[in-house]
Amino acid sequence: MTGLESPILFLAMVGFISITGVIMPGPVFAATVAKGYSDARAGLKIALGHAVVEIPLIIAIFLGLDYFFQDQAVFAAIGIMGGVLLIYMGYSMIKSRKEILVKQEEARYGAFIA
């Protein structure tokens, strides 16, 4: 029996995969840590923003559209679009960078305690 045949097993698989994504350091984790320092609700906001993307994908896969994502042309198109987006984001970051000024009181503990 696969996870798609049983809704409970499917939800358990989604939960397990989501937990592994949450505990693994990455961009969502870094954003949560960075924004959580200044906004008490940052974690909730980031989780909701992430869910806006994940929930439609989970529903689509549950409804049987997983074959669509397994098509090599779709896989390649998603990869190319993602690569172009990453290049654009990198270019935008480099183009708009400013000199970072660190106040003495913010830097007293150094990067180790950050």
PDB file of N, CA and C in Angstrom:
ATOM      1  N   MET A   1       0.847  -1.179   0.000  1.00  0.00           N
ATOM      2  CA  MET A   1       0.000   0.000   0.000  1.00  0.00           C
ATOM      3  C   MET A   1       0.890   1.238   0.000  1.00  0.00           C
ATOM      4  N   THR A   2       0.624   2.156  -0.904  1.00  0.00           N
ATOM      5  CA  THR A   2       1.373   3.407  -0.956  1.00  0.00           C
ATOM      6  C   THR A   2       0.655   4.459  -0.126  1.00  0.00           C
ATOM      7  N   GLY A   3       1.337   5.572   0.108  1.00  0.00           N
ATOM      8  CA  GLY A   3       0.758   6.645   0.897  1.00  0.00           C
ATOM      9  C   GLY A   3      -0.461   7.273   0.252  1.00  0.00           C
ATOM     10  N   LEU A   4      -0.560   7.183  -1.069  1.00  0.00           N
ATOM     11  CA  LEU A   4      -1.680   7.825  -1.748  1.00  0.00           C
ATOM     12  C   LEU A   4      -2.970   7.029  -1.633  1.00  0.00           C
ATOM     13  N   GLU A   5      -2.890   5.772  -1.215  1.00  0.00           N
ATOM     14  CA  GLU A   5      -4.088   4.947  -1.081  1.00  0.00           C
ATOM     15  C   GLU A   5      -4.791   5.169   0.253  1.00  0.00           C
ATOM     16  N   SER A   6      -4.093   5.668   1.232  1.00  0.00           N
ATOM     17  CA  SER A   6      -4.665   5.899   2.554  1.00  0.00           C
ATOM     18  C   SER A   6      -4.451   7.362   2.948  1.00  0.00           C
ATOM     19  N   PRO A   7      -5.531   8.108   3.153  1.00  0.00           N
ATOM     20  CA  PRO A   7      -5.365   9.521   3.534  1.00  0.00           C
ATOM     21  C   PRO A   7      -4.574   9.706   4.824  1.00  0.00           C
ATOM     22  N   ILE A   8      -4.757   8.822   5.785  1.00  0.00           N
ATOM     23  CA  ILE A   8      -4.033   8.951   7.055  1.00  0.00           C
ATOM     24  C   ILE A   8      -2.544   8.720   6.840  1.00  0.00           C
ATOM     25  N   LEU A   9      -2.195   7.696   6.080  1.00  0.00           N
ATOM     26  CA  LEU A   9      -0.790   7.437   5.784  1.00  0.00           C
ATOM     27  C   LEU A   9      -0.197   8.580   4.963  1.00  0.00           C
ATOM     28  N   PHE A  10      -0.969   9.111   4.035  1.00  0.00           N
ATOM     29  CA  PHE A  10      -0.510  10.234   3.219  1.00  0.00           C
ATOM     30  C   PHE A  10      -0.210  11.444   4.101  1.00  0.00           C
ATOM     31  N   LEU A  11      -1.127  11.773   5.023  1.00  0.00           N
ATOM     32  CA  LEU A  11      -0.910  12.909   5.920  1.00  0.00           C
ATOM     33  C   LEU A  11       0.286  12.675   6.835  1.00  0.00           C
ATOM     34  N   ALA A  12       0.489  11.433   7.272  1.00  0.00           N
ATOM     35  CA  ALA A  12       1.660  11.120   8.089  1.00  0.00           C
ATOM     36  C   ALA A  12       2.944  11.338   7.291  1.00  0.00           C
ATOM     37  N   MET A  13       2.938  10.926   6.025  1.00  0.00           N
ATOM     38  CA  MET A  13       4.109  11.140   5.169  1.00  0.00           C
ATOM     39  C   MET A  13       4.359  12.632   4.962  1.00  0.00           C
ATOM     40  N   VAL A  14       3.309  13.394   4.725  1.00  0.00           N
ATOM     41  CA  VAL A  14       3.441  14.848   4.556  1.00  0.00           C
ATOM     42  C   VAL A  14       4.017  15.464   5.826  1.00  0.00           C
ATOM     43  N   GLY A  15       3.501  15.052   6.972  1.00  0.00           N
ATOM     44  CA  GLY A  15       4.001  15.567   8.246  1.00  0.00           C
ATOM     45  C   GLY A  15       5.465  15.256   8.459  1.00  0.00           C
ATOM     46  N   PHE A  16       5.864  14.019   8.173  1.00  0.00           N
ATOM     47  CA  PHE A  16       7.262  13.622   8.353  1.00  0.00           C
ATOM     48  C   PHE A  16       8.182  14.411   7.427  1.00  0.00           C
ATOM     49  N   ILE A  17       7.795  14.524   6.170  1.00  0.00           N
ATOM     50  CA  ILE A  17       8.618  15.260   5.209  1.00  0.00           C
ATOM     51  C   ILE A  17       8.683  16.737   5.589  1.00  0.00           C
ATOM     52  N   SER A  18       7.575  17.299   6.067  1.00  0.00           N
ATOM     53  CA  SER A  18       7.561  18.702   6.485  1.00  0.00           C
ATOM     54  C   SER A  18       8.464  18.926   7.687  1.00  0.00           C
ATOM     55  N   ILE A  19       8.425  18.012   8.641  1.00  0.00           N
ATOM     56  CA  ILE A  19       9.274  18.140   9.829  1.00  0.00           C
ATOM     57  C   ILE A  19      10.746  18.099   9.437  1.00  0.00           C
ATOM     58  N   THR A  20      11.114  17.197   8.537  1.00  0.00           N
ATOM     59  CA  THR A  20      12.522  17.140   8.130  1.00  0.00           C
ATOM     60  C   THR A  20      12.932  18.424   7.424  1.00  0.00           C
ATOM     61  N   GLY A  21      12.011  19.058   6.708  1.00  0.00           N
ATOM     62  CA  GLY A  21      12.322  20.334   6.063  1.00  0.00           C
ATOM     63  C   GLY A  21      12.455  21.462   7.065  1.00  0.00           C
ATOM     64  N   VAL A  22      11.686  21.399   8.139  1.00  0.00           N
ATOM     65  CA  VAL A  22      11.719  22.452   9.155  1.00  0.00           C
ATOM     66  C   VAL A  22      12.995  22.380   9.982  1.00  0.00           C
ATOM     67  N   ILE A  23      13.431  21.177  10.334  1.00  0.00           N
ATOM     68  CA  ILE A  23      14.595  21.070  11.215  1.00  0.00           C
ATOM     69  C   ILE A  23      15.919  21.188  10.474  1.00  0.00           C
ATOM     70  N   MET A  24      15.894  21.121   9.167  1.00  0.00           N
ATOM     71  CA  MET A  24      17.131  21.229   8.402  1.00  0.00           C
ATOM     72  C   MET A  24      17.470  22.702   8.173  1.00  0.00           C
ATOM     73  N   PRO A  25      18.686  23.107   8.524  1.00  0.00           N
ATOM     74  CA  PRO A  25      19.071  24.500   8.268  1.00  0.00           C
ATOM     75  C   PRO A  25      18.998  24.825   6.782  1.00  0.00           C
ATOM     76  N   GLY A  26      18.425  25.946   6.478  1.00  0.00           N
ATOM     77  CA  GLY A  26      18.280  26.382   5.095  1.00  0.00           C
ATOM     78  C   GLY A  26      17.729  27.789   5.062  1.00  0.00           C
ATOM     79  N   PRO A  27      17.254  28.230   3.910  1.00  0.00           N
ATOM     80  CA  PRO A  27      16.796  29.612   3.796  1.00  0.00           C
ATOM     81  C   PRO A  27      15.579  29.941   4.658  1.00  0.00           C
ATOM     82  N   VAL A  28      14.644  29.010   4.801  1.00  0.00           N
ATOM     83  CA  VAL A  28      13.466  29.289   5.629  1.00  0.00           C
ATOM     84  C   VAL A  28      13.883  29.392   7.095  1.00  0.00           C
ATOM     85  N   PHE A  29      14.752  28.498   7.522  1.00  0.00           N
ATOM     86  CA  PHE A  29      15.267  28.530   8.895  1.00  0.00           C
ATOM     87  C   PHE A  29      16.031  29.828   9.147  1.00  0.00           C
ATOM     88  N   ALA A  30      16.884  30.219   8.195  1.00  0.00           N
ATOM     89  CA  ALA A  30      17.666  31.452   8.334  1.00  0.00           C
ATOM     90  C   ALA A  30      16.753  32.672   8.396  1.00  0.00           C
ATOM     91  N   ALA A  31      15.720  32.703   7.574  1.00  0.00           N
ATOM     92  CA  ALA A  31      14.779  33.829   7.594  1.00  0.00           C
ATOM     93  C   ALA A  31      14.033  33.882   8.921  1.00  0.00           C
ATOM     94  N   THR A  32      13.660  32.731   9.450  1.00  0.00           N
ATOM     95  CA  THR A  32      12.956  32.685  10.726  1.00  0.00           C
ATOM     96  C   THR A  32      13.834  33.219  11.844  1.00  0.00           C
ATOM     97  N   VAL A  33      15.088  32.798  11.865  1.00  0.00           N
ATOM     98  CA  VAL A  33      16.013  33.265  12.894  1.00  0.00           C
ATOM     99  C   VAL A  33      16.263  34.760  12.746  1.00  0.00           C
ATOM    100  N   ALA A  34      16.513  35.219  11.527  1.00  0.00           N
ATOM    101  CA  ALA A  34      16.821  36.632  11.299  1.00  0.00           C
ATOM    102  C   ALA A  34      15.637  37.531  11.641  1.00  0.00           C
ATOM    103  N   LYS A  35      14.457  37.155  11.212  1.00  0.00           N
ATOM    104  CA  LYS A  35      13.277  37.987  11.457  1.00  0.00           C
ATOM    105  C   LYS A  35      12.706  37.779  12.858  1.00  0.00           C
ATOM    106  N   GLY A  36      12.910  36.608  13.431  1.00  0.00           N
ATOM    107  CA  GLY A  36      12.382  36.318  14.754  1.00  0.00           C
ATOM    108  C   GLY A  36      12.977  37.196  15.836  1.00  0.00           C
ATOM    109  N   TYR A  37      14.156  37.693  15.603  1.00  0.00           N
ATOM    110  CA  TYR A  37      14.814  38.572  16.567  1.00  0.00           C
ATOM    111  C   TYR A  37      14.063  39.889  16.708  1.00  0.00           C
ATOM    112  N   SER A  38      13.481  40.386  15.626  1.00  0.00           N
ATOM    113  CA  SER A  38      12.821  41.688  15.655  1.00  0.00           C
ATOM    114  C   SER A  38      11.291  41.604  15.644  1.00  0.00           C
ATOM    115  N   ASP A  39      10.724  40.448  15.339  1.00  0.00           N
ATOM    116  CA  ASP A  39       9.269  40.311  15.245  1.00  0.00           C
ATOM    117  C   ASP A  39       8.851  39.000  15.897  1.00  0.00           C
ATOM    118  N   ALA A  40       8.078  39.099  16.968  1.00  0.00           N
ATOM    119  CA  ALA A  40       7.677  37.907  17.716  1.00  0.00           C
ATOM    120  C   ALA A  40       6.815  36.957  16.894  1.00  0.00           C
ATOM    121  N   ARG A  41       6.130  37.458  15.894  1.00  0.00           N
ATOM    122  CA  ARG A  41       5.258  36.614  15.073  1.00  0.00           C
ATOM    123  C   ARG A  41       5.903  36.210  13.753  1.00  0.00           C
ATOM    124  N   ALA A  42       7.189  36.427  13.622  1.00  0.00           N
ATOM    125  CA  ALA A  42       7.871  36.131  12.358  1.00  0.00           C
ATOM    126  C   ALA A  42       7.763  34.653  11.996  1.00  0.00           C
ATOM    127  N   GLY A  43       7.933  33.777  12.967  1.00  0.00           N
ATOM    128  CA  GLY A  43       7.854  32.345  12.689  1.00  0.00           C
ATOM    129  C   GLY A  43       6.506  31.946  12.125  1.00  0.00           C
ATOM    130  N   LEU A  44       5.448  32.475  12.715  1.00  0.00           N
ATOM    131  CA  LEU A  44       4.093  32.177  12.235  1.00  0.00           C
ATOM    132  C   LEU A  44       3.889  32.716  10.825  1.00  0.00           C
ATOM    133  N   LYS A  45       4.344  33.941  10.583  1.00  0.00           N
ATOM    134  CA  LYS A  45       4.195  34.546   9.254  1.00  0.00           C
ATOM    135  C   LYS A  45       4.962  33.751   8.198  1.00  0.00           C
ATOM    136  N   ILE A  46       6.175  33.340   8.529  1.00  0.00           N
ATOM    137  CA  ILE A  46       6.987  32.576   7.576  1.00  0.00           C
ATOM    138  C   ILE A  46       6.361  31.209   7.332  1.00  0.00           C
ATOM    139  N   ALA A  47       5.864  30.566   8.391  1.00  0.00           N
ATOM    140  CA  ALA A  47       5.213  29.259   8.230  1.00  0.00           C
ATOM    141  C   ALA A  47       3.974  29.368   7.350  1.00  0.00           C
ATOM    142  N   LEU A  48       3.181  30.412   7.548  1.00  0.00           N
ATOM    143  CA  LEU A  48       1.988  30.597   6.717  1.00  0.00           C
ATOM    144  C   LEU A  48       2.367  30.874   5.263  1.00  0.00           C
ATOM    145  N   GLY A  49       3.404  31.670   5.061  1.00  0.00           N
ATOM    146  CA  GLY A  49       3.865  31.938   3.701  1.00  0.00           C
ATOM    147  C   GLY A  49       4.349  30.678   3.016  1.00  0.00           C
ATOM    148  N   HIS A  50       5.039  29.825   3.769  1.00  0.00           N
ATOM    149  CA  HIS A  50       5.524  28.562   3.221  1.00  0.00           C
ATOM    150  C   HIS A  50       4.346  27.634   2.913  1.00  0.00           C
ATOM    151  N   ALA A  51       3.338  27.650   3.771  1.00  0.00           N
ATOM    152  CA  ALA A  51       2.161  26.797   3.571  1.00  0.00           C
ATOM    153  C   ALA A  51       1.380  27.192   2.328  1.00  0.00           C
ATOM    154  N   VAL A  52       1.384  28.479   1.994  1.00  0.00           N
ATOM    155  CA  VAL A  52       0.679  28.944   0.790  1.00  0.00           C
ATOM    156  C   VAL A  52       1.213  28.230  -0.446  1.00  0.00           C
ATOM    157  N   VAL A  53       2.496  27.915  -0.445  1.00  0.00           N
ATOM    158  CA  VAL A  53       3.106  27.210  -1.577  1.00  0.00           C
ATOM    159  C   VAL A  53       2.930  25.702  -1.438  1.00  0.00           C
ATOM    160  N   GLU A  54       3.151  25.178  -0.245  1.00  0.00           N
ATOM    161  CA  GLU A  54       3.156  23.730  -0.037  1.00  0.00           C
ATOM    162  C   GLU A  54       1.771  23.094  -0.126  1.00  0.00           C
ATOM    163  N   ILE A  55       0.770  23.706   0.454  1.00  0.00           N
ATOM    164  CA  ILE A  55      -0.560  23.081   0.524  1.00  0.00           C
ATOM    165  C   ILE A  55      -1.149  22.806  -0.856  1.00  0.00           C
ATOM    166  N   PRO A  56      -1.108  23.753  -1.807  1.00  0.00           N
ATOM    167  CA  PRO A  56      -1.627  23.412  -3.142  1.00  0.00           C
ATOM    168  C   PRO A  56      -0.866  22.258  -3.801  1.00  0.00           C
ATOM    169  N   LEU A  57       0.447  22.183  -3.584  1.00  0.00           N
ATOM    170  CA  LEU A  57       1.217  21.062  -4.144  1.00  0.00           C
ATOM    171  C   LEU A  57       0.805  19.741  -3.508  1.00  0.00           C
ATOM    172  N   ILE A  58       0.618  19.735  -2.205  1.00  0.00           N
ATOM    173  CA  ILE A  58       0.200  18.516  -1.508  1.00  0.00           C
ATOM    174  C   ILE A  58      -1.173  18.068  -2.006  1.00  0.00           C
ATOM    175  N   ILE A  59      -2.088  19.009  -2.151  1.00  0.00           N
ATOM    176  CA  ILE A  59      -3.434  18.677  -2.643  1.00  0.00           C
ATOM    177  C   ILE A  59      -3.366  18.140  -4.069  1.00  0.00           C
ATOM    178  N   ALA A  60      -2.562  18.776  -4.922  1.00  0.00           N
ATOM    179  CA  ALA A  60      -2.430  18.324  -6.315  1.00  0.00           C
ATOM    180  C   ALA A  60      -1.889  16.898  -6.378  1.00  0.00           C
ATOM    181  N   ILE A  61      -0.892  16.604  -5.566  1.00  0.00           N
ATOM    182  CA  ILE A  61      -0.320  15.252  -5.557  1.00  0.00           C
ATOM    183  C   ILE A  61      -1.344  14.254  -5.021  1.00  0.00           C
ATOM    184  N   PHE A  62      -2.064  14.633  -3.969  1.00  0.00           N
ATOM    185  CA  PHE A  62      -3.071  13.738  -3.407  1.00  0.00           C
ATOM    186  C   PHE A  62      -4.179  13.443  -4.409  1.00  0.00           C
ATOM    187  N   LEU A  63      -4.524  14.423  -5.226  1.00  0.00           N
ATOM    188  CA  LEU A  63      -5.587  14.236  -6.215  1.00  0.00           C
ATOM    189  C   LEU A  63      -5.117  13.477  -7.453  1.00  0.00           C
ATOM    190  N   GLY A  64      -3.851  13.108  -7.483  1.00  0.00           N
ATOM    191  CA  GLY A  64      -3.360  12.285  -8.577  1.00  0.00           C
ATOM    192  C   GLY A  64      -2.578  13.020  -9.640  1.00  0.00           C
ATOM    193  N   LEU A  65      -2.218  14.252  -9.397  1.00  0.00           N
ATOM    194  CA  LEU A  65      -1.465  15.003 -10.396  1.00  0.00           C
ATOM    195  C   LEU A  65       0.046  14.793 -10.276  1.00  0.00           C
ATOM    196  N   ASP A  66       0.447  13.803  -9.483  1.00  0.00           N
ATOM    197  CA  ASP A  66       1.878  13.540  -9.345  1.00  0.00           C
ATOM    198  C   ASP A  66       2.506  13.096 -10.663  1.00  0.00           C
ATOM    199  N   TYR A  67       1.731  12.452 -11.526  1.00  0.00           N
ATOM    200  CA  TYR A  67       2.268  12.033 -12.828  1.00  0.00           C
ATOM    201  C   TYR A  67       2.711  13.245 -13.643  1.00  0.00           C
ATOM    202  N   PHE A  68       2.030  14.375 -13.468  1.00  0.00           N
ATOM    203  CA  PHE A  68       2.382  15.609 -14.180  1.00  0.00           C
ATOM    204  C   PHE A  68       3.790  16.063 -13.799  1.00  0.00           C
ATOM    205  N   PHE A  69       4.120  15.972 -12.500  1.00  0.00           N
ATOM    206  CA  PHE A  69       5.425  16.414 -12.029  1.00  0.00           C
ATOM    207  C   PHE A  69       6.527  15.414 -12.366  1.00  0.00           C
ATOM    208  N   GLN A  70       6.172  14.188 -12.740  1.00  0.00           N
ATOM    209  CA  GLN A  70       7.163  13.179 -13.101  1.00  0.00           C
ATOM    210  C   GLN A  70       7.553  13.245 -14.571  1.00  0.00           C
ATOM    211  N   ASP A  71       6.835  13.987 -15.365  1.00  0.00           N
ATOM    212  CA  ASP A  71       7.146  14.154 -16.783  1.00  0.00           C
ATOM    213  C   ASP A  71       8.481  14.886 -16.916  1.00  0.00           C
ATOM    214  N   GLN A  72       9.382  14.355 -17.746  1.00  0.00           N
ATOM    215  CA  GLN A  72      10.717  14.936 -17.893  1.00  0.00           C
ATOM    216  C   GLN A  72      10.678  16.367 -18.419  1.00  0.00           C
ATOM    217  N   ALA A  73       9.751  16.671 -19.319  1.00  0.00           N
ATOM    218  CA  ALA A  73       9.649  18.033 -19.857  1.00  0.00           C
ATOM    219  C   ALA A  73       9.214  19.011 -18.766  1.00  0.00           C
ATOM    220  N   VAL A  74       8.255  18.607 -17.948  1.00  0.00           N
ATOM    221  CA  VAL A  74       7.801  19.459 -16.844  1.00  0.00           C
ATOM    222  C   VAL A  74       8.927  19.627 -15.835  1.00  0.00           C
ATOM    223  N   PHE A  75       9.612  18.529 -15.530  1.00  0.00           N
ATOM    224  CA  PHE A  75      10.731  18.558 -14.589  1.00  0.00           C
ATOM    225  C   PHE A  75      11.813  19.518 -15.080  1.00  0.00           C
ATOM    226  N   ALA A  76      12.145  19.443 -16.361  1.00  0.00           N
ATOM    227  CA  ALA A  76      13.161  20.327 -16.940  1.00  0.00           C
ATOM    228  C   ALA A  76      12.691  21.777 -16.940  1.00  0.00           C
ATOM    229  N   ALA A  77      11.430  22.010 -17.282  1.00  0.00           N
ATOM    230  CA  ALA A  77      10.901  23.381 -17.313  1.00  0.00           C
ATOM    231  C   ALA A  77      10.924  24.012 -15.925  1.00  0.00           C
ATOM    232  N   ILE A  78      10.529  23.251 -14.910  1.00  0.00           N
ATOM    233  CA  ILE A  78      10.555  23.764 -13.538  1.00  0.00           C
ATOM    234  C   ILE A  78      11.992  24.056 -13.120  1.00  0.00           C
ATOM    235  N   GLY A  79      12.916  23.172 -13.467  1.00  0.00           N
ATOM    236  CA  GLY A  79      14.322  23.383 -13.138  1.00  0.00           C
ATOM    237  C   GLY A  79      14.900  24.615 -13.809  1.00  0.00           C
ATOM    238  N   ILE A  80      14.581  24.804 -15.075  1.00  0.00           N
ATOM    239  CA  ILE A  80      15.082  25.972 -15.814  1.00  0.00           C
ATOM    240  C   ILE A  80      14.483  27.256 -15.238  1.00  0.00           C
ATOM    241  N   MET A  81      13.175  27.249 -14.978  1.00  0.00           N
ATOM    242  CA  MET A  81      12.543  28.446 -14.399  1.00  0.00           C
ATOM    243  C   MET A  81      13.128  28.763 -13.021  1.00  0.00           C
ATOM    244  N   GLY A  82      13.371  27.736 -12.232  1.00  0.00           N
ATOM    245  CA  GLY A  82      13.974  27.946 -10.916  1.00  0.00           C
ATOM    246  C   GLY A  82      15.384  28.492 -11.021  1.00  0.00           C
ATOM    247  N   GLY A  83      16.158  27.962 -11.968  1.00  0.00           N
ATOM    248  CA  GLY A  83      17.516  28.460 -12.179  1.00  0.00           C
ATOM    249  C   GLY A  83      17.540  29.905 -12.634  1.00  0.00           C
ATOM    250  N   VAL A  84      16.649  30.243 -13.558  1.00  0.00           N
ATOM    251  CA  VAL A  84      16.560  31.634 -14.033  1.00  0.00           C
ATOM    252  C   VAL A  84      16.165  32.554 -12.881  1.00  0.00           C
ATOM    253  N   LEU A  85      15.232  32.113 -12.049  1.00  0.00           N
ATOM    254  CA  LEU A  85      14.811  32.923 -10.910  1.00  0.00           C
ATOM    255  C   LEU A  85      15.964  33.132  -9.929  1.00  0.00           C
ATOM    256  N   LEU A  86      16.734  32.084  -9.659  1.00  0.00           N
ATOM    257  CA  LEU A  86      17.877  32.218  -8.755  1.00  0.00           C
ATOM    258  C   LEU A  86      18.923  33.173  -9.313  1.00  0.00           C
ATOM    259  N   ILE A  87      19.195  33.083 -10.608  1.00  0.00           N
ATOM    260  CA  ILE A  87      20.153  34.000 -11.238  1.00  0.00           C
ATOM    261  C   ILE A  87      19.646  35.436 -11.136  1.00  0.00           C
ATOM    262  N   TYR A  88      18.367  35.642 -11.415  1.00  0.00           N
ATOM    263  CA  TYR A  88      17.779  36.981 -11.319  1.00  0.00           C
ATOM    264  C   TYR A  88      17.873  37.519  -9.891  1.00  0.00           C
ATOM    265  N   MET A  89      17.541  36.677  -8.909  1.00  0.00           N
ATOM    266  CA  MET A  89      17.606  37.119  -7.518  1.00  0.00           C
ATOM    267  C   MET A  89      19.034  37.462  -7.118  1.00  0.00           C
ATOM    268  N   GLY A  90      20.003  36.651  -7.534  1.00  0.00           N
ATOM    269  CA  GLY A  90      21.402  36.945  -7.243  1.00  0.00           C
ATOM    270  C   GLY A  90      21.848  38.243  -7.876  1.00  0.00           C
ATOM    271  N   TYR A  91      21.483  38.443  -9.132  1.00  0.00           N
ATOM    272  CA  TYR A  91      21.824  39.685  -9.831  1.00  0.00           C
ATOM    273  C   TYR A  91      21.197  40.886  -9.126  1.00  0.00           C
ATOM    274  N   SER A  92      19.934  40.753  -8.726  1.00  0.00           N
ATOM    275  CA  SER A  92      19.246  41.852  -8.037  1.00  0.00           C
ATOM    276  C   SER A  92      19.908  42.178  -6.706  1.00  0.00           C
ATOM    277  N   MET A  93      20.340  41.149  -5.994  1.00  0.00           N
ATOM    278  CA  MET A  93      21.009  41.375  -4.714  1.00  0.00           C
ATOM    279  C   MET A  93      22.342  42.081  -4.908  1.00  0.00           C
ATOM    280  N   ILE A  94      23.108  41.650  -5.905  1.00  0.00           N
ATOM    281  CA  ILE A  94      24.400  42.285  -6.166  1.00  0.00           C
ATOM    282  C   ILE A  94      24.198  43.729  -6.612  1.00  0.00           C
ATOM    283  N   LYS A  95      23.228  43.945  -7.458  1.00  0.00           N
ATOM    284  CA  LYS A  95      22.962  45.281  -7.991  1.00  0.00           C
ATOM    285  C   LYS A  95      22.518  46.257  -6.899  1.00  0.00           C
ATOM    286  N   SER A  96      21.759  45.780  -5.933  1.00  0.00           N
ATOM    287  CA  SER A  96      21.206  46.676  -4.920  1.00  0.00           C
ATOM    288  C   SER A  96      21.962  46.648  -3.598  1.00  0.00           C
ATOM    289  N   ARG A  97      23.123  46.030  -3.567  1.00  0.00           N
ATOM    290  CA  ARG A  97      23.839  45.928  -2.294  1.00  0.00           C
ATOM    291  C   ARG A  97      24.310  47.307  -1.841  1.00  0.00           C
ATOM    292  N   LYS A  98      24.372  47.438  -0.566  1.00  0.00           N
ATOM    293  CA  LYS A  98      24.855  48.669   0.052  1.00  0.00           C
ATOM    294  C   LYS A  98      25.919  48.276   1.062  1.00  0.00           C
ATOM    295  N   GLU A  99      26.711  49.235   1.417  1.00  0.00           N
ATOM    296  CA  GLU A  99      27.733  48.960   2.423  1.00  0.00           C
ATOM    297  C   GLU A  99      27.033  48.676   3.745  1.00  0.00           C
ATOM    298  N   ILE A 100      27.416  47.591   4.368  1.00  0.00           N
ATOM    299  CA  ILE A 100      26.791  47.203   5.627  1.00  0.00           C
ATOM    300  C   ILE A 100      27.508  47.911   6.765  1.00  0.00           C
ATOM    301  N   LEU A 101      26.747  48.633   7.540  1.00  0.00           N
ATOM    302  CA  LEU A 101      27.286  49.321   8.701  1.00  0.00           C
ATOM    303  C   LEU A 101      26.827  48.575   9.941  1.00  0.00           C
ATOM    304  N   VAL A 102      27.776  48.179  10.768  1.00  0.00           N
ATOM    305  CA  VAL A 102      27.456  47.444  11.982  1.00  0.00           C
ATOM    306  C   VAL A 102      27.737  48.351  13.165  1.00  0.00           C
ATOM    307  N   LYS A 103      26.732  48.548  13.986  1.00  0.00           N
ATOM    308  CA  LYS A 103      26.916  49.350  15.188  1.00  0.00           C
ATOM    309  C   LYS A 103      27.730  48.546  16.187  1.00  0.00           C
ATOM    310  N   GLN A 104      28.500  49.234  17.000  1.00  0.00           N
ATOM    311  CA  GLN A 104      29.379  48.568  17.955  1.00  0.00           C
ATOM    312  C   GLN A 104      28.595  47.668  18.902  1.00  0.00           C
ATOM    313  N   GLU A 105      27.439  48.126  19.398  1.00  0.00           N
ATOM    314  CA  GLU A 105      26.680  47.307  20.346  1.00  0.00           C
ATOM    315  C   GLU A 105      26.115  46.044  19.704  1.00  0.00           C
ATOM    316  N   GLU A 106      25.913  46.046  18.396  1.00  0.00           N
ATOM    317  CA  GLU A 106      25.431  44.857  17.703  1.00  0.00           C
ATOM    318  C   GLU A 106      26.555  43.865  17.459  1.00  0.00           C
ATOM    319  N   ALA A 107      27.791  44.342  17.412  1.00  0.00           N
ATOM    320  CA  ALA A 107      28.922  43.496  17.051  1.00  0.00           C
ATOM    321  C   ALA A 107      29.728  43.024  18.253  1.00  0.00           C
ATOM    322  N   ARG A 108      29.352  43.361  19.461  1.00  0.00           N
ATOM    323  CA  ARG A 108      30.206  43.065  20.607  1.00  0.00           C
ATOM    324  C   ARG A 108      30.372  41.580  20.892  1.00  0.00           C
ATOM    325  N   TYR A 109      29.405  40.759  20.522  1.00  0.00           N
ATOM    326  CA  TYR A 109      29.515  39.330  20.791  1.00  0.00           C
ATOM    327  C   TYR A 109      30.156  38.556  19.652  1.00  0.00           C
ATOM    328  N   GLY A 110      30.249  39.127  18.495  1.00  0.00           N
ATOM    329  CA  GLY A 110      30.857  38.461  17.353  1.00  0.00           C
ATOM    330  C   GLY A 110      29.918  37.460  16.697  1.00  0.00           C
ATOM    331  N   ALA A 111      30.408  36.819  15.656  1.00  0.00           N
ATOM    332  CA  ALA A 111      29.591  35.905  14.866  1.00  0.00           C
ATOM    333  C   ALA A 111      29.300  34.602  15.594  1.00  0.00           C
ATOM    334  N   PHE A 112      30.166  34.206  16.531  1.00  0.00           N
ATOM    335  CA  PHE A 112      29.983  32.928  17.211  1.00  0.00           C
ATOM    336  C   PHE A 112      28.693  32.904  18.018  1.00  0.00           C
ATOM    337  N   ILE A 113      28.336  33.989  18.641  1.00  0.00           N
ATOM    338  CA  ILE A 113      27.138  34.056  19.470  1.00  0.00           C
ATOM    339  C   ILE A 113      25.914  34.472  18.663  1.00  0.00           C
ATOM    340  N   ALA A 114      26.101  34.847  17.426  1.00  0.00           N
ATOM    341  CA  ALA A 114      24.980  35.283  16.594  1.00  0.00           C
ATOM    342  C   ALA A 114      23.971  34.190  16.518  1.00  0.00           C
TER     343      ALA A 114
END
